């Protein structure tokens, strides 16, 4: 695997872990005054974590997966990234 893909995969995993930690932190702060906004932020962070993991799969297994499988994984990553952004807006 080319070095750039392994580095990209590792940074995607790091982003997924950070997003999941942010979602868990937001979940712990849910109270009666911020119930809706906190859930929307949790959904955004969880979608971002899933998108980053899909990106890690894409970059980490780029040489092992077929082109059609890579296309599916990339499309999933893009849909999840768009979902994460839409929860914030």
N, C-alpha and C. Protein backbone atom coordinates (compact mmCIF):
# COMPACT_ATOMS: atom_id res chain seq x y z
N UNK A 1 0.85 -1.18 0.00
CA UNK A 1 0.00 0.00 0.00
C UNK A 1 0.89 1.23 0.00
N UNK A 2 0.56 2.20 -0.82
CA UNK A 2 1.35 3.44 -0.82
C UNK A 2 1.27 4.13 0.54
N UNK A 3 2.34 4.82 0.89
CA UNK A 3 2.41 5.47 2.20
C UNK A 3 1.27 6.46 2.41
N UNK A 4 0.91 7.21 1.40
CA UNK A 4 -0.12 8.23 1.58
C UNK A 4 -1.47 7.61 1.94
N UNK A 5 -1.76 6.44 1.39
CA UNK A 5 -3.03 5.80 1.72
C UNK A 5 -3.05 5.29 3.16
N UNK A 6 -1.92 4.76 3.64
CA UNK A 6 -1.90 4.29 5.03
C UNK A 6 -2.00 5.46 6.00
N UNK A 7 -1.37 6.57 5.67
CA UNK A 7 -1.47 7.76 6.53
C UNK A 7 -2.89 8.30 6.50
N UNK A 8 -3.51 8.31 5.32
CA UNK A 8 -4.90 8.77 5.22
C UNK A 8 -5.82 7.87 6.02
N UNK A 9 -5.61 6.57 5.96
CA UNK A 9 -6.44 5.63 6.71
C UNK A 9 -6.30 5.87 8.22
N UNK A 10 -5.07 6.10 8.67
CA UNK A 10 -4.86 6.35 10.10
C UNK A 10 -5.49 7.67 10.55
N UNK A 11 -5.40 8.70 9.73
CA UNK A 11 -6.03 9.96 10.12
C UNK A 11 -7.56 9.84 10.07
N UNK A 12 -8.09 9.02 9.17
CA UNK A 12 -9.53 8.78 9.16
C UNK A 12 -9.98 8.07 10.43
N UNK A 13 -9.20 7.09 10.89
CA UNK A 13 -9.54 6.40 12.14
C UNK A 13 -9.46 7.36 13.31
N UNK A 14 -8.44 8.21 13.33
CA UNK A 14 -8.33 9.21 14.41
C UNK A 14 -9.52 10.16 14.40
N UNK A 15 -9.95 10.58 13.22
CA UNK A 15 -11.12 11.46 13.13
C UNK A 15 -12.38 10.76 13.59
N UNK A 16 -12.50 9.47 13.29
CA UNK A 16 -13.66 8.70 13.73
C UNK A 16 -13.69 8.59 15.25
N UNK A 17 -12.54 8.32 15.84
CA UNK A 17 -12.47 8.21 17.31
C UNK A 17 -12.81 9.55 17.95
N UNK A 18 -12.25 10.62 17.43
CA UNK A 18 -12.52 11.96 17.98
C UNK A 18 -14.00 12.30 17.85
N UNK A 19 -14.61 12.01 16.71
CA UNK A 19 -16.03 12.30 16.52
C UNK A 19 -16.90 11.49 17.48
N UNK A 20 -16.53 10.23 17.69
CA UNK A 20 -17.29 9.41 18.62
C UNK A 20 -17.16 9.94 20.05
N UNK A 21 -15.97 10.37 20.43
CA UNK A 21 -15.77 10.96 21.77
C UNK A 21 -16.60 12.23 21.92
N UNK A 22 -16.64 13.06 20.87
CA UNK A 22 -17.46 14.27 20.92
C UNK A 22 -18.94 13.92 21.06
N UNK A 23 -19.40 12.88 20.35
CA UNK A 23 -20.79 12.46 20.45
C UNK A 23 -21.11 11.97 21.85
N UNK A 24 -20.21 11.19 22.44
CA UNK A 24 -20.43 10.69 23.79
C UNK A 24 -20.43 11.84 24.80
N UNK A 25 -19.55 12.80 24.61
CA UNK A 25 -19.50 13.96 25.49
C UNK A 25 -20.80 14.78 25.40
N UNK A 26 -21.29 14.95 24.19
CA UNK A 26 -22.54 15.68 24.00
C UNK A 26 -23.72 14.91 24.62
N UNK A 27 -23.70 13.60 24.48
CA UNK A 27 -24.77 12.78 25.04
C UNK A 27 -24.84 12.94 26.56
N UNK A 28 -23.68 13.03 27.20
CA UNK A 28 -23.66 13.19 28.66
C UNK A 28 -24.19 14.54 29.09
N UNK A 29 -24.21 15.51 28.19
CA UNK A 29 -24.65 16.87 28.53
C UNK A 29 -26.11 17.14 28.18
N UNK A 30 -26.82 16.12 27.75
CA UNK A 30 -28.22 16.33 27.38
C UNK A 30 -29.02 16.63 28.64
N UNK A 31 -29.75 17.73 28.59
CA UNK A 31 -30.60 18.13 29.70
C UNK A 31 -31.92 18.65 29.17
N UNK A 32 -32.80 19.06 30.06
CA UNK A 32 -34.12 19.52 29.61
C UNK A 32 -34.06 20.79 28.75
N UNK A 33 -33.04 21.60 28.91
CA UNK A 33 -32.96 22.85 28.17
C UNK A 33 -32.32 22.73 26.79
N UNK A 34 -31.63 21.63 26.55
CA UNK A 34 -30.93 21.50 25.26
C UNK A 34 -31.20 20.14 24.61
N UNK A 35 -32.30 19.55 24.92
CA UNK A 35 -32.58 18.20 24.47
C UNK A 35 -32.53 18.05 22.94
N UNK A 36 -33.18 18.91 22.21
CA UNK A 36 -33.24 18.77 20.75
C UNK A 36 -31.90 19.09 20.12
N UNK A 37 -31.30 20.21 20.50
CA UNK A 37 -30.04 20.59 19.88
C UNK A 37 -28.92 19.60 20.20
N UNK A 38 -28.92 19.07 21.41
CA UNK A 38 -27.88 18.09 21.77
C UNK A 38 -28.03 16.81 20.97
N UNK A 39 -29.26 16.36 20.75
CA UNK A 39 -29.46 15.15 19.94
C UNK A 39 -29.04 15.38 18.50
N UNK A 40 -29.30 16.56 17.99
CA UNK A 40 -28.89 16.85 16.61
C UNK A 40 -27.37 16.87 16.50
N UNK A 41 -26.69 17.46 17.48
CA UNK A 41 -25.24 17.44 17.47
C UNK A 41 -24.70 16.02 17.63
N UNK A 42 -25.33 15.22 18.49
CA UNK A 42 -24.92 13.81 18.62
C UNK A 42 -25.04 13.09 17.29
N UNK A 43 -26.15 13.30 16.60
CA UNK A 43 -26.34 12.66 15.29
C UNK A 43 -25.28 13.12 14.31
N UNK A 44 -24.93 14.39 14.35
CA UNK A 44 -23.91 14.91 13.45
C UNK A 44 -22.56 14.27 13.72
N UNK A 45 -22.17 14.20 14.99
CA UNK A 45 -20.88 13.59 15.33
C UNK A 45 -20.85 12.10 15.01
N UNK A 46 -21.95 11.40 15.24
CA UNK A 46 -21.99 9.97 14.91
C UNK A 46 -21.93 9.74 13.40
N UNK A 47 -22.60 10.58 12.64
CA UNK A 47 -22.52 10.46 11.17
C UNK A 47 -21.11 10.77 10.69
N UNK A 48 -20.47 11.74 11.32
CA UNK A 48 -19.08 12.06 10.95
C UNK A 48 -18.14 10.91 11.30
N UNK A 49 -18.38 10.26 12.44
CA UNK A 49 -17.56 9.11 12.83
C UNK A 49 -17.73 7.97 11.83
N UNK A 50 -18.96 7.71 11.43
CA UNK A 50 -19.21 6.65 10.45
C UNK A 50 -18.60 7.00 9.09
N UNK A 51 -18.68 8.27 8.70
CA UNK A 51 -18.08 8.69 7.43
C UNK A 51 -16.57 8.53 7.48
N UNK A 52 -15.96 8.87 8.59
CA UNK A 52 -14.51 8.73 8.72
C UNK A 52 -14.10 7.26 8.68
N UNK A 53 -14.89 6.38 9.29
CA UNK A 53 -14.57 4.95 9.23
C UNK A 53 -14.72 4.42 7.81
N UNK A 54 -15.73 4.88 7.10
CA UNK A 54 -15.87 4.48 5.69
C UNK A 54 -14.67 4.99 4.88
N UNK A 55 -14.21 6.18 5.18
CA UNK A 55 -13.02 6.71 4.53
C UNK A 55 -11.78 5.89 4.86
N UNK A 56 -11.69 5.44 6.11
CA UNK A 56 -10.56 4.59 6.51
C UNK A 56 -10.60 3.26 5.76
N UNK A 57 -11.78 2.71 5.58
CA UNK A 57 -11.90 1.47 4.81
C UNK A 57 -11.48 1.71 3.36
N UNK A 58 -11.94 2.82 2.80
CA UNK A 58 -11.59 3.15 1.42
C UNK A 58 -10.08 3.29 1.27
N UNK A 59 -9.45 4.07 2.14
CA UNK A 59 -8.02 4.31 2.00
C UNK A 59 -7.19 3.11 2.44
N UNK A 60 -7.65 2.39 3.43
CA UNK A 60 -6.87 1.27 3.95
C UNK A 60 -6.91 0.03 3.07
N UNK A 61 -8.02 -0.17 2.38
CA UNK A 61 -8.17 -1.38 1.56
C UNK A 61 -8.28 -1.06 0.08
N UNK A 62 -7.73 0.07 -0.32
CA UNK A 62 -7.83 0.52 -1.71
C UNK A 62 -7.25 -0.49 -2.69
N UNK A 63 -6.18 -1.16 -2.33
CA UNK A 63 -5.56 -2.12 -3.23
C UNK A 63 -6.19 -3.50 -3.14
N UNK A 64 -6.96 -3.77 -2.10
CA UNK A 64 -7.54 -5.09 -1.88
C UNK A 64 -8.97 -5.22 -2.39
N UNK A 65 -9.69 -4.13 -2.49
CA UNK A 65 -11.09 -4.18 -2.90
C UNK A 65 -11.24 -3.95 -4.40
N UNK A 66 -12.31 -4.47 -4.93
CA UNK A 66 -12.59 -4.26 -6.35
C UNK A 66 -13.03 -2.81 -6.57
N UNK A 67 -12.91 -2.33 -7.80
CA UNK A 67 -13.32 -0.94 -8.07
C UNK A 67 -14.79 -0.68 -7.74
N UNK A 68 -15.66 -1.66 -7.97
CA UNK A 68 -17.07 -1.44 -7.65
C UNK A 68 -17.29 -1.37 -6.14
N UNK A 69 -16.57 -2.18 -5.37
CA UNK A 69 -16.68 -2.12 -3.91
C UNK A 69 -16.13 -0.79 -3.39
N UNK A 70 -15.03 -0.33 -3.97
CA UNK A 70 -14.49 0.96 -3.57
C UNK A 70 -15.47 2.09 -3.85
N UNK A 71 -16.15 2.00 -4.98
CA UNK A 71 -17.13 3.03 -5.32
C UNK A 71 -18.28 3.04 -4.31
N UNK A 72 -18.72 1.86 -3.89
CA UNK A 72 -19.80 1.78 -2.90
C UNK A 72 -19.35 2.37 -1.57
N UNK A 73 -18.15 2.00 -1.12
CA UNK A 73 -17.63 2.52 0.15
C UNK A 73 -17.47 4.04 0.08
N UNK A 74 -16.95 4.56 -1.04
CA UNK A 74 -16.78 6.00 -1.17
C UNK A 74 -18.12 6.72 -1.18
N UNK A 75 -19.11 6.17 -1.86
CA UNK A 75 -20.43 6.78 -1.88
C UNK A 75 -21.05 6.80 -0.49
N UNK A 76 -20.86 5.73 0.26
CA UNK A 76 -21.36 5.69 1.65
C UNK A 76 -20.68 6.78 2.47
N UNK A 77 -19.37 6.92 2.30
CA UNK A 77 -18.64 7.95 3.05
C UNK A 77 -19.16 9.35 2.71
N UNK A 78 -19.42 9.60 1.43
CA UNK A 78 -19.90 10.92 1.02
C UNK A 78 -21.32 11.19 1.52
N UNK A 79 -22.17 10.17 1.49
CA UNK A 79 -23.54 10.34 2.00
C UNK A 79 -23.52 10.62 3.50
N UNK A 80 -22.68 9.89 4.23
CA UNK A 80 -22.59 10.12 5.67
C UNK A 80 -21.98 11.49 5.98
N UNK A 81 -20.98 11.92 5.21
CA UNK A 81 -20.40 13.25 5.43
C UNK A 81 -21.45 14.33 5.17
N UNK A 82 -22.23 14.15 4.13
CA UNK A 82 -23.32 15.11 3.85
C UNK A 82 -24.36 15.10 4.95
N UNK A 83 -24.64 13.93 5.49
CA UNK A 83 -25.60 13.84 6.59
C UNK A 83 -25.06 14.56 7.83
N UNK A 84 -23.80 14.37 8.11
CA UNK A 84 -23.20 15.05 9.26
C UNK A 84 -23.30 16.56 9.12
N UNK A 85 -23.03 17.05 7.93
CA UNK A 85 -23.13 18.49 7.69
C UNK A 85 -24.57 18.98 7.78
N UNK A 86 -25.50 18.18 7.29
CA UNK A 86 -26.90 18.62 7.30
C UNK A 86 -27.46 18.68 8.72
N UNK A 87 -26.97 17.86 9.63
CA UNK A 87 -27.44 17.94 11.00
C UNK A 87 -27.00 19.22 11.67
N UNK A 88 -25.88 19.76 11.26
CA UNK A 88 -25.36 21.00 11.86
C UNK A 88 -26.12 22.21 11.34
N UNK A 89 -26.50 22.17 10.08
CA UNK A 89 -27.19 23.30 9.48
C UNK A 89 -28.59 23.26 9.97
